[in-house]
Protein backbone atom coordinates (compact mmCIF):
# COMPACT_ATOMS: atom_id res chain seq x y z
CA UNK A 1 -13.54 -0.11 -11.15
CA UNK A 2 -15.15 2.80 -9.20
CA UNK A 3 -12.58 5.33 -7.91
CA UNK A 4 -12.53 7.47 -4.72
CA UNK A 5 -10.35 10.59 -4.35
CA UNK A 6 -9.04 11.69 -0.99
CA UNK A 7 -6.62 14.42 0.25
CA UNK A 8 -4.47 14.35 3.36
CA UNK A 9 -3.15 17.63 4.70
CA UNK A 10 -1.81 17.85 8.44
CA UNK A 11 -3.16 21.35 8.57
CA UNK A 12 -6.61 19.88 9.01
CA UNK A 13 -5.84 18.38 12.32
CA UNK A 14 -9.00 17.27 14.43
CA UNK A 15 -7.30 16.88 17.75
CA UNK A 16 -4.73 14.69 19.56
CA UNK A 17 -5.02 10.89 19.41
CA UNK A 18 -5.31 10.26 23.14
CA UNK A 19 -4.37 6.82 24.12
CA UNK A 20 -7.47 6.34 26.16
CA UNK A 21 -9.31 6.14 22.88
CA UNK A 22 -8.08 2.57 22.66
CA UNK A 23 -9.51 1.46 26.05
CA UNK A 24 -11.26 -1.71 26.88
CA UNK A 25 -14.01 -2.89 29.31
CA UNK A 26 -13.96 -5.96 31.65
CA UNK A 27 -17.33 -6.78 33.39
CA UNK A 28 -18.01 -9.74 35.76
CA UNK A 29 -20.24 -11.30 33.22
CA UNK A 30 -20.21 -14.84 31.86
CA UNK A 31 -16.81 -16.31 31.23
CA UNK A 32 -15.06 -12.90 31.02
CA UNK A 33 -13.22 -13.04 34.31
CA UNK A 34 -13.54 -16.74 35.27
CA UNK A 35 -12.40 -19.09 32.55
CA UNK A 36 -11.46 -15.93 30.45
CA UNK A 37 -8.60 -13.92 32.03
CA UNK A 38 -8.53 -15.98 35.20
CA UNK A 39 -8.29 -19.98 35.08
CA UNK A 40 -5.89 -21.28 37.74
CA UNK A 41 -5.94 -24.80 36.36
CA UNK A 42 -4.87 -23.83 32.81
CA UNK A 43 -1.43 -24.91 31.60
CA UNK A 44 -0.41 -21.30 30.95
CA UNK A 45 -1.71 -19.96 34.32
CA UNK A 46 0.72 -17.88 36.33
CA UNK A 47 1.02 -17.84 40.14
CA UNK A 48 -2.19 -15.68 40.49
CA UNK A 49 -4.17 -17.96 38.20
CA UNK A 50 -4.19 -15.51 35.28
CA UNK A 51 -3.81 -17.07 31.74
CA UNK A 52 -0.64 -15.96 30.28
CA UNK A 53 -1.75 -16.65 26.72
CA UNK A 54 -4.72 -14.24 27.36
CA UNK A 55 -2.22 -11.72 28.90
CA UNK A 56 -0.04 -11.90 25.71
CA UNK A 57 -3.14 -11.36 23.39
CA UNK A 58 -4.54 -8.34 25.49
CA UNK A 59 -0.97 -6.83 25.38
CA UNK A 60 -0.96 -7.30 21.60
CA UNK A 61 -4.39 -5.69 21.28
CA UNK A 62 -3.00 -2.50 22.72
CA UNK A 63 -5.62 -1.50 25.11
CA UNK A 64 -4.93 1.53 27.43
CA UNK A 65 -7.42 2.15 30.13
CA UNK A 66 -9.93 -0.68 31.10
CA UNK A 67 -13.30 0.12 32.67
CA UNK A 68 -14.15 -2.26 35.52
CA UNK A 69 -16.12 -4.04 37.14
CA UNK A 70 -19.29 -3.06 34.94
CA UNK A 71 -21.52 -2.52 33.21
CA UNK A 72 -24.92 -3.63 34.66
CA UNK A 73 -22.98 -5.74 37.08
CA UNK A 74 -21.85 -2.64 39.09
CA UNK A 75 -25.28 -1.50 39.97
CA UNK A 76 -25.70 -4.33 42.45
CA UNK A 77 -22.16 -4.59 43.41
CA UNK A 78 -20.67 -4.15 46.98
CA UNK A 79 -16.99 -3.35 46.52
CA UNK A 80 -16.15 -4.63 50.03
CA UNK A 81 -16.91 -8.04 48.77
CA UNK A 82 -13.98 -7.99 46.42
CA UNK A 83 -11.10 -7.36 48.94
CA UNK A 84 -9.56 -9.18 51.86
CA UNK A 85 -8.62 -12.84 52.03
CA UNK A 86 -10.24 -14.73 49.08
CA UNK A 87 -11.47 -17.55 51.28
CA UNK A 88 -13.43 -15.20 53.33
CA UNK A 89 -15.25 -13.35 50.49
CA UNK A 90 -18.95 -13.81 50.23
CA UNK A 91 -20.72 -15.42 47.30
CA UNK A 92 -23.47 -13.09 46.01
CA UNK A 93 -26.32 -13.38 43.44
CA UNK A 94 -25.67 -11.04 40.44
CA UNK A 95 -29.13 -9.87 39.54
CA UNK A 96 -27.87 -8.29 36.33
CA UNK A 97 -26.84 -11.56 34.50
CA UNK A 98 -28.58 -13.98 36.83
CA UNK A 99 -25.40 -15.61 37.96
CA UNK A 100 -23.32 -16.39 41.12
CA UNK A 101 -20.40 -14.12 41.73
CA UNK A 102 -17.78 -15.77 43.89
CA UNK A 103 -15.59 -12.63 44.23
CA UNK A 104 -12.55 -14.71 43.70
CA UNK A 105 -11.02 -11.92 41.46
CA UNK A 106 -11.53 -8.57 43.09
CA UNK A 107 -9.84 -5.17 43.13
CA UNK A 108 -6.35 -6.22 44.16
CA UNK A 109 -6.24 -9.22 41.71
CA UNK A 110 -7.61 -7.19 38.77
CA UNK A 111 -5.13 -4.42 39.49
CA UNK A 112 -2.37 -6.97 39.38
CA UNK A 113 -3.64 -8.26 36.07
CA UNK A 114 -3.72 -4.78 34.64
CA UNK A 115 -0.08 -4.30 35.51
CA UNK A 116 0.69 -7.51 33.55
CA UNK A 117 -1.18 -6.15 30.35
CA UNK A 118 0.23 -2.69 30.84
CA UNK A 119 -3.29 -1.02 31.11
CA UNK A 120 -4.70 1.59 33.48
CA UNK A 121 -7.79 1.05 35.64
CA UNK A 122 -11.07 3.10 35.02
CA UNK A 123 -13.26 2.24 38.11
CA UNK A 124 -16.99 2.41 38.11
CA UNK A 125 -18.96 3.01 41.46
CA UNK A 126 -22.32 1.67 42.24
CA UNK A 127 -24.85 4.48 42.06
CA UNK A 128 -27.75 1.95 41.57
CA UNK A 129 -28.27 0.23 44.91
CA UNK A 130 -25.67 2.49 46.78
CA UNK A 131 -24.64 6.04 46.86
CA UNK A 132 -22.28 8.79 47.77
CA UNK A 133 -20.90 7.30 51.06
CA UNK A 134 -20.01 4.08 49.54
CA UNK A 135 -18.25 5.79 46.57
CA UNK A 136 -16.24 7.83 49.03
CA UNK A 137 -15.43 4.71 50.94
CA UNK A 138 -13.99 2.89 47.82
CA UNK A 139 -12.03 6.12 46.85
CA UNK A 140 -10.52 6.18 50.23
CA UNK A 141 -9.52 2.63 50.17
CA UNK A 142 -7.96 2.92 46.70
CA UNK A 143 -6.34 6.18 46.58
CA UNK A 144 -5.31 7.40 50.11
CA UNK A 145 -1.75 6.44 50.98
CA UNK A 146 -2.47 5.41 54.65
CA UNK A 147 -3.32 6.59 58.15
CA UNK A 148 -7.08 5.93 57.82
CA UNK A 149 -9.13 2.86 58.63
CA UNK A 150 -9.88 2.08 54.96
CA UNK A 151 -6.52 2.91 53.54
CA UNK A 152 -4.86 0.93 56.38
CA UNK A 153 -7.29 -1.96 55.53
CA UNK A 154 -5.91 -1.84 51.90
CA UNK A 155 -2.26 -2.07 53.28
CA UNK A 156 -3.47 -5.07 55.47
CA UNK A 157 -4.71 -6.63 52.48
CA UNK A 158 -1.39 -6.54 50.80
CA UNK A 159 -1.26 -3.32 48.89
CA UNK A 160 1.10 -0.82 50.41
CA UNK A 161 1.07 1.78 47.59
CA UNK A 162 -2.35 3.28 46.68
CA UNK A 163 -4.06 2.09 43.44
CA UNK A 164 -4.08 5.80 42.36
CA UNK A 165 -7.16 5.40 40.21
CA UNK A 166 -7.54 8.62 38.17
CA UNK A 167 -10.79 7.99 36.11
CA UNK A 168 -14.10 7.09 37.68
CA UNK A 169 -17.58 6.37 36.25
CA UNK A 170 -20.51 7.57 38.23
CA UNK A 171 -22.71 4.57 37.76
CA UNK A 172 -23.94 2.77 34.57
CA UNK A 173 -26.70 3.28 32.19
CA UNK A 174 -29.06 4.76 34.84
CA UNK A 175 -31.66 5.64 32.34
CA UNK A 176 -32.18 1.89 31.50
CA UNK A 177 -35.20 0.18 33.00
CA UNK A 178 -33.15 -2.99 33.27
CA UNK A 179 -30.62 -1.19 35.66
CA UNK A 180 -30.86 -1.80 39.25
CA UNK A 181 -31.61 1.50 40.88
CA UNK A 182 -32.91 2.89 37.58
CA UNK A 183 -33.94 6.50 38.14
CA UNK A 184 -35.19 9.59 36.41
CA UNK A 185 -32.58 12.15 34.97
CA UNK A 186 -33.40 14.63 37.72
CA UNK A 187 -32.91 12.14 40.54
CA UNK A 188 -29.64 10.59 38.94
CA UNK A 189 -28.31 14.06 38.19
CA UNK A 190 -28.77 15.11 41.70
CA UNK A 191 -26.98 11.90 43.14
CA UNK A 192 -24.22 12.18 40.60
CA UNK A 193 -23.56 15.83 41.49
CA UNK A 194 -23.58 15.11 45.27
CA UNK A 195 -21.19 12.08 44.60
CA UNK A 196 -18.81 13.89 42.40
CA UNK A 197 -18.71 16.95 44.80
CA UNK A 198 -17.79 14.51 47.60
CA UNK A 199 -15.18 12.67 45.69
CA UNK A 200 -13.53 15.96 44.53
CA UNK A 201 -13.46 17.06 48.23
CA UNK A 202 -11.17 13.91 48.86
CA UNK A 203 -9.27 14.34 45.65
CA UNK A 204 -9.82 17.42 43.31
CA UNK A 205 -7.66 15.92 40.58
CA UNK A 206 -9.99 13.01 39.67
CA UNK A 207 -11.39 12.63 36.34
CA UNK A 208 -15.20 11.86 36.39
CA UNK A 209 -17.55 10.39 33.95
CA UNK A 210 -21.37 11.02 34.33
CA UNK A 211 -23.89 8.61 32.72
CA UNK A 212 -25.35 9.69 29.40
CA UNK A 213 -28.17 7.77 27.75
CA UNK A 214 -27.56 4.07 27.40
CA UNK A 215 -28.25 4.39 23.70
CA UNK A 216 -29.20 6.92 21.05
CA UNK A 217 -32.37 4.86 20.52
CA UNK A 218 -33.59 5.38 24.02
CA UNK A 219 -36.70 7.43 24.51
CA UNK A 220 -34.81 9.43 27.11
CA UNK A 221 -31.87 10.31 24.66
CA UNK A 222 -31.00 13.94 24.51
CA UNK A 223 -33.26 15.19 27.23
CA UNK A 224 -31.42 12.71 29.55
CA UNK A 225 -28.17 14.38 28.78
CA UNK A 226 -29.33 17.96 29.01
CA UNK A 227 -30.97 17.29 32.45
CA UNK A 228 -28.13 15.36 33.88
CA UNK A 229 -25.49 17.82 32.77
CA UNK A 230 -27.56 20.78 34.00
CA UNK A 231 -27.10 19.23 37.47
CA UNK A 232 -23.48 18.08 37.05
CA UNK A 233 -21.78 20.25 34.50
CA UNK A 234 -19.28 21.84 36.83
CA UNK A 235 -18.74 18.59 38.79
CA UNK A 236 -17.74 16.10 35.84
CA UNK A 237 -15.24 15.95 33.08
CA UNK A 238 -16.83 13.59 30.68
CA UNK A 239 -20.45 12.28 29.72
CA UNK A 240 -20.67 8.65 28.53
CA UNK A 241 -22.01 7.25 25.29
CA UNK A 242 -22.86 3.61 24.74
CA UNK A 243 -23.59 2.15 21.30
CA UNK A 244 -23.89 -1.45 19.93
CA UNK A 245 -24.53 -2.44 16.29
CA UNK A 246 -25.58 -5.68 14.47
CA UNK A 247 -26.65 -6.78 11.10
CA UNK A 248 -30.43 -7.05 11.22
CA UNK A 249 -32.83 -8.77 8.85
CA UNK A 250 -30.08 -9.41 6.31
CA UNK A 251 -29.50 -5.66 5.85
CA UNK A 252 -25.73 -5.70 5.33
CA UNK A 253 -25.66 -2.44 3.58
CA UNK A 254 -26.98 -0.52 6.55
CA UNK A 255 -24.74 -2.65 8.90
CA UNK A 256 -21.59 -1.76 7.01
CA UNK A 257 -22.63 2.03 7.35
CA UNK A 258 -22.93 1.85 11.18
CA UNK A 259 -20.22 4.54 11.52
CA UNK A 260 -22.86 6.97 10.10
CA UNK A 261 -24.95 6.31 13.22
CA UNK A 262 -21.95 6.67 15.47
CA UNK A 263 -21.01 10.02 13.99
CA UNK A 264 -24.48 11.45 14.37
CA UNK A 265 -24.68 10.06 18.00
CA UNK A 266 -21.44 11.78 19.01
CA UNK A 267 -22.27 15.09 17.25
CA UNK A 268 -25.69 15.17 19.03
CA UNK A 269 -24.27 14.63 22.53
CA UNK A 270 -21.49 17.31 21.77
CA UNK A 271 -24.34 19.77 20.79
CA UNK A 272 -26.23 19.02 23.91
CA UNK A 273 -23.19 19.31 26.14
CA UNK A 274 -22.21 22.58 24.53
CA UNK A 275 -25.81 23.83 24.86
CA UNK A 276 -25.62 23.25 28.60
CA UNK A 277 -22.21 24.96 28.71
CA UNK A 278 -23.74 28.10 27.05
CA UNK A 279 -26.81 28.20 29.28
CA UNK A 280 -24.71 27.81 32.52
CA UNK A 281 -22.02 30.23 30.96
CA UNK A 282 -19.36 27.80 32.03
CA UNK A 283 -15.71 28.20 31.07
CA UNK A 284 -14.90 24.41 31.07
CA UNK A 285 -15.85 21.90 28.41
CA UNK A 286 -17.25 18.48 28.88
CA UNK A 287 -16.01 15.77 26.57
CA UNK A 288 -17.10 12.22 25.72
CA UNK A 289 -16.17 8.99 27.18
CA UNK A 290 -17.41 6.51 24.68
CA UNK A 291 -17.10 3.61 27.38
CA UNK A 292 -19.12 1.03 25.66
CA UNK A 293 -19.02 0.27 21.87
CA UNK A 294 -18.97 -2.79 19.72
CA UNK A 295 -20.87 -5.23 17.54
CA UNK A 296 -23.36 -7.14 19.62
CA UNK A 297 -26.13 -9.58 18.47
CA UNK A 298 -28.24 -8.80 21.43
CA UNK A 299 -31.11 -10.64 19.86
CA UNK A 300 -29.38 -13.85 20.40
CA UNK A 301 -28.81 -13.18 24.00
CA UNK A 302 -32.52 -12.49 24.46
CA UNK A 303 -33.53 -15.58 22.56
CA UNK A 304 -30.72 -18.09 23.64
CA UNK A 305 -28.48 -17.19 26.40
CA UNK A 306 -30.68 -15.34 28.96
CA UNK A 307 -31.03 -17.18 32.28
CA UNK A 308 -34.30 -16.75 34.11
CA UNK A 309 -34.77 -19.79 36.49
CA UNK A 310 -35.38 -18.98 40.11
CA UNK A 311 -33.12 -21.89 41.12
CA UNK A 312 -30.51 -21.39 38.36
CA UNK A 313 -27.63 -19.15 39.29
CA UNK A 314 -24.65 -20.57 37.62
CA UNK A 315 -21.03 -19.48 38.03
CA UNK A 316 -19.42 -18.05 34.87
CA UNK A 317 -21.98 -19.40 32.40
CA UNK A 318 -21.48 -18.99 28.58
CA UNK A 319 -23.02 -15.63 27.91
CA UNK A 320 -22.83 -13.14 24.97
CA UNK A 321 -20.07 -15.28 23.26
CA UNK A 322 -20.71 -13.77 19.84
CA UNK A 323 -18.66 -15.34 16.86
CA UNK A 324 -17.59 -12.44 14.75
CA UNK A 325 -17.26 -12.37 10.93
CA UNK A 326 -15.25 -10.30 8.40
CA UNK A 327 -18.28 -8.10 8.10
CA UNK A 328 -18.38 -7.53 11.80
CA UNK A 329 -14.54 -6.58 11.82
CA UNK A 330 -15.04 -4.13 8.90
CA UNK A 331 -17.70 -2.42 11.11
CA UNK A 332 -15.46 -2.32 14.06
CA UNK A 333 -12.76 -0.77 11.94
CA UNK A 334 -15.29 1.73 10.66
CA UNK A 335 -16.28 2.63 14.24
CA UNK A 336 -12.77 3.15 15.07
CA UNK A 337 -12.60 5.60 12.24
CA UNK A 338 -15.58 7.44 13.62
CA UNK A 339 -13.99 7.72 17.03
CA UNK A 340 -10.78 9.12 15.44
CA UNK A 341 -12.86 11.62 13.37
CA UNK A 342 -14.10 13.06 16.66
CA UNK A 343 -10.78 12.93 18.51
CA UNK A 344 -11.28 16.56 19.44
CA UNK A 345 -14.24 15.70 21.80
CA UNK A 346 -14.03 11.86 22.31
CA UNK A 347 -11.38 11.77 25.00
CA UNK A 348 -11.78 8.09 26.03
CA UNK A 349 -13.45 4.94 24.60
CA UNK A 350 -13.87 1.50 25.77
CA UNK A 351 -14.27 -1.55 23.36
CA UNK A 352 -16.91 -3.73 25.19
CA UNK A 353 -15.63 -6.24 25.99
CA UNK A 354 -12.32 -7.90 25.96
CA UNK A 355 -12.33 -11.79 26.48
CA UNK A 356 -15.20 -14.32 25.66
CA UNK A 357 -18.09 -11.66 26.20
CA UNK A 358 -18.72 -9.95 22.81
CA UNK A 359 -14.92 -9.92 22.69
CA UNK A 360 -11.97 -9.79 20.32
CA UNK A 361 -10.45 -12.62 22.23
CA UNK A 362 -11.86 -16.06 22.95
CA UNK A 363 -10.75 -18.81 25.09
CA UNK A 364 -11.50 -22.52 25.83
CA UNK A 365 -11.26 -23.91 29.31
CA UNK A 366 -7.98 -25.78 29.56
CA UNK A 367 -7.43 -25.05 25.81
CA UNK A 368 -6.42 -22.38 23.46
CA UNK A 369 -6.95 -18.65 23.30
CA UNK A 370 -7.42 -16.96 19.82
CA UNK A 371 -8.11 -13.80 18.00
CA UNK A 372 -11.57 -13.09 16.68
CA UNK A 373 -11.75 -11.14 13.39
CA UNK A 374 -12.51 -7.82 15.37
CA UNK A 375 -9.06 -8.19 17.10
CA UNK A 376 -7.28 -7.10 14.06
CA UNK A 377 -8.62 -3.60 13.14
CA UNK A 378 -8.41 -2.59 16.89
CA UNK A 379 -4.81 -3.86 17.40
CA UNK A 380 -3.56 -2.37 14.21
CA UNK A 381 -5.25 0.99 14.63
CA UNK A 382 -3.98 1.14 18.35
CA UNK A 383 -0.56 0.67 17.14
CA UNK A 384 -0.50 2.97 14.14
CA UNK A 385 -2.76 5.86 15.18
CA UNK A 386 -0.29 8.47 16.65
CA UNK A 387 0.12 12.11 16.91
CA UNK A 388 -3.04 13.95 15.72
CA UNK A 389 -6.16 12.78 14.01
CA UNK A 390 -6.56 14.47 10.59
CA UNK A 391 -9.72 15.13 8.68
CA UNK A 392 -9.61 13.89 5.09
CA UNK A 393 -11.59 15.35 2.21
CA UNK A 394 -13.42 12.52 0.51
CA UNK A 395 -14.88 12.33 -2.95
CA UNK A 396 -16.45 8.88 -3.07
CA UNK A 397 -19.28 7.26 -4.98
CA UNK A 398 -22.37 6.53 -2.83
CA UNK A 399 -24.86 3.78 -2.43
CA UNK A 400 -28.26 3.53 -0.86
CA UNK A 401 -29.08 2.06 2.49
CA UNK A 402 -32.39 1.32 4.10
CA UNK A 403 -31.46 2.99 7.41
CA UNK A 404 -29.14 5.94 6.52
CA UNK A 405 -30.05 6.80 3.02
CA UNK A 406 -27.14 7.37 0.50
CA UNK A 407 -23.74 6.87 2.19
CA UNK A 408 -20.29 7.25 0.71
CA UNK A 409 -18.78 3.89 -0.21
CA UNK A 410 -15.43 4.90 1.41
CA UNK A 411 -15.04 6.24 4.98
CA UNK A 412 -11.56 7.23 6.09
CA UNK A 413 -9.53 9.04 8.62
CA UNK A 414 -5.89 9.67 8.97
CA UNK A 415 -3.34 10.45 11.79
CA UNK A 416 -0.05 12.35 11.55
CA UNK A 417 2.79 12.29 13.99
CA UNK A 418 5.05 15.19 12.96
CA UNK A 419 7.73 14.38 15.51
CA UNK A 420 8.17 10.78 14.26
CA UNK A 421 7.49 11.77 10.66
CA UNK A 422 4.95 9.04 10.20
CA UNK A 423 1.39 9.05 9.06
CA UNK A 424 -1.35 6.45 8.84
CA UNK A 425 -4.59 6.27 6.73
CA UNK A 426 -7.47 4.09 7.72
CA UNK A 427 -10.15 3.15 5.27
CA UNK A 428 -13.35 0.98 4.79
CA UNK A 429 -15.00 -0.07 1.42
CA UNK A 430 -18.60 -0.46 2.31
CA UNK A 431 -19.55 -1.85 -1.18
CA UNK A 432 -20.67 -5.60 -1.13
CA UNK A 433 -19.77 -6.23 -4.65
CA UNK A 434 -17.16 -3.75 -5.98
CA UNK A 435 -13.49 -3.14 -5.40
CA UNK A 436 -12.51 0.43 -5.21
CA UNK A 437 -9.45 2.21 -6.32
CA UNK A 438 -8.46 4.97 -3.87
CA UNK A 439 -6.12 7.68 -4.58
CA UNK A 440 -4.92 10.04 -1.80
CA UNK A 441 -3.20 13.24 -2.33
CA UNK A 442 -0.41 13.11 0.27
CA UNK A 443 1.73 15.84 -1.17
CA UNK A 444 1.40 17.93 1.96
CA UNK A 445 3.42 15.25 3.73
CA UNK A 446 6.47 15.70 1.47
CA UNK A 447 8.22 12.60 0.07
CA UNK A 448 6.78 9.54 1.69
CA UNK A 449 6.73 5.78 0.99
CA UNK A 450 4.40 2.99 2.20
CA UNK A 451 5.84 1.57 5.41
CA UNK A 452 3.20 -1.14 5.84
CA UNK A 453 -0.26 -1.83 4.38
CA UNK A 454 -2.89 -4.18 5.92
CA UNK A 455 -6.24 -5.21 4.51
CA UNK A 456 -8.98 -7.36 6.21
CA UNK A 457 -11.23 -8.94 3.73
CA UNK A 458 -12.48 -12.32 2.45
CA UNK A 459 -14.53 -13.63 -0.44
CA UNK A 460 -16.99 -14.92 2.35
CA UNK A 461 -17.86 -11.79 4.40
CA UNK A 462 -19.17 -14.12 7.08
CA UNK A 463 -15.98 -16.10 7.50
CA UNK A 464 -14.89 -16.21 11.10
CA UNK A 465 -12.27 -17.63 13.44
CA UNK A 466 -13.58 -20.50 15.66
CA UNK A 467 -12.14 -23.10 18.06
CA UNK A 468 -11.87 -25.52 15.19
CA UNK A 469 -10.39 -23.05 12.69
CA UNK A 470 -8.64 -20.39 14.79
CA UNK A 471 -6.72 -18.74 11.97
CA UNK A 472 -9.40 -18.83 9.26
CA UNK A 473 -9.26 -14.98 8.96
CA UNK A 474 -6.31 -12.63 9.23
CA UNK A 475 -5.21 -9.36 7.70
CA UNK A 476 -3.09 -9.66 4.62
CA UNK A 477 -0.56 -7.25 3.19
CA UNK A 478 -2.05 -5.09 0.61
CA UNK A 479 0.61 -5.03 -2.10
CA UNK A 480 -1.43 -2.66 -4.31
CA UNK A 481 -0.63 0.19 -1.92
CA UNK A 482 2.00 2.45 -3.37
CA UNK A 483 3.07 6.08 -2.85
CA UNK A 484 4.74 8.07 -5.68
CA UNK A 485 4.82 11.71 -6.73
CA UNK A 486 2.73 12.93 -3.86
CA UNK A 487 -0.08 10.34 -4.34
CA UNK A 488 -1.02 7.21 -2.45
CA UNK A 489 -2.91 4.59 -4.52
CA UNK A 490 -4.50 1.49 -3.05
CA UNK A 491 -7.23 -1.02 -4.22
CA UNK A 492 -9.79 -1.87 -1.59
CA UNK A 493 -11.52 -5.17 -2.06
CA UNK A 494 -15.42 -5.33 -1.35
CA UNK A 495 -16.35 -5.28 2.40
CA UNK A 496 -13.02 -4.47 3.62
CA UNK A 497 -10.96 -2.52 6.19
CA UNK A 498 -7.48 -1.24 5.44
CA UNK A 499 -4.66 0.57 7.30
CA UNK A 500 -1.73 2.17 5.48
CA UNK A 501 1.34 3.56 7.30
CA UNK A 502 3.48 6.20 5.53
CA UNK A 503 6.86 7.62 6.47
C-alpha cells in the first residue's frame, strides 16, 4: 500500500479560520426559493411558508453568511419589487434565467428565514441595469434606523429594527457577456468606485466586495482584476473569485485534482491585488471573497435545462438540479481544503448554491428534503475547522493528470484551536485505485487522541443520493484512525475525503 507522510505543527499557522469561509449563496433561480426554501403548502411549512425540514438541514450544514439575491439574477433586479405588501408586488420577467419572478419572497421574508437558520445576510446590489443611486436607496432602506422616507418605509413594512447588513457585493460577474449591463473593466471600475464611495458616505463601516473575473478561464482574467482594483483599491475590502468544476470527457483524474486549479486561481488574484497595492502605495490590504464555488455540470444546463422560448416564462422551473456523486463530494472536500490553505487571504466564501440549484440539499414539492453527497464534507468541515488553519508538510506519491501534470495523491490541511485544545486534519485521496496509508507527525500537539474520524467513499465513485434512495451515500466512521506516540495513522480508501478531530 502506498504511504504518505505529513507533519502538523501549529507554529506553521496560515491564518484564522473566519466563519465567513463557510458561507452559502441563495439566488432567485429555478426551485431554489420557491419549492425549495419556501413552500407554503408543504406539511412542514411554518407560518411564513418556509419549509422547516429545509431549515433544519441548512442549520446542520453550518452556513454562516449567505449571499443574496444573485448571481446573474441581481443584474436585472429592482429591489423595490421585493418589499411592501406581498399582494401588491409586481411580477417581472427574469432575463437571466428566462423565468417569471413573483417577488413573493423578498428582503423582509428572506431576512426572517436567515434568522431561523442562524446565518447573516450578504447583500448584492444591481450594477448591471442600475447604479449608484439605487444602491444608496437600498442601503438607506436596509440600514438606517428611521427618520427618512426609505427607512420609515421599512418600518411601515413591518421591520422596526434595521437589517444592519454589513457585507455588500457591488454587482455580479460584470466581465461576463451573459450579464445584463456587461461592461469593460474601465467602465465597471469607475462605477464600482463611485458606488462604494457613496455607500461609505452613508456608512463608513461597511465591508464591500468588488467583482473580479467571473472565472480564471475568462480572457479578461488578470487584467480585469488589475484595472478594476486600480479604480477601487481604496474603496473596497474584497475582490470576488468565482470557480466551478466538473468532470469532463471521463477525465476523473483531473477532476479529482480541481483543488490544484483553485490554489493557482487564488494565488494569481492575490498577486494581482498586491501588485496594485504596491503601485498605489496603499497601506491597506484587499482580500478575497470567493463568493461562488462548487461542482457544476454547466454543459447539462446548456444542453437540457436552458429555456429560450419567447412565450415560455415559467415560475420556479427545474433548473441546474445536478445530482452529485461520491467523486463530486470528494472534490468539494478538496476545494474546502484549498480555501483553508489560503485562510490568510480568503476572508469569505459562498458555496453556490444551497437548495435544489447545484445544491447540497434537495427537495421534492410536497415531499421530502435530503442531503446530497456534497452536504457531508461541507457540514463536517464547517463544524470541525476552528481556530487557525495550519499548513502541513506533505510527502506524498504523485500521479499524472491530463490538465495539471503530476499531482500529489494526498491533499491536506489542518486547523488548531489552542484555547479549546482541539485540532482537525482534512484529507483527500485522489487515487482512483489505491488506498493510501497516511501517517501524520502530531508530536507538536502533545499527547492527543482521535476524537472522531469520518470518511466519505464508496466502491462506486458515481453513487449518489436520490429521491428514491436518499441515504445511499453517507460518511462512515474511519476506525483505522489512531493516534499514539505523537503519530496519527489512518488509511484512506481510493477516491475519498476524510476529517479527523484530535484532542
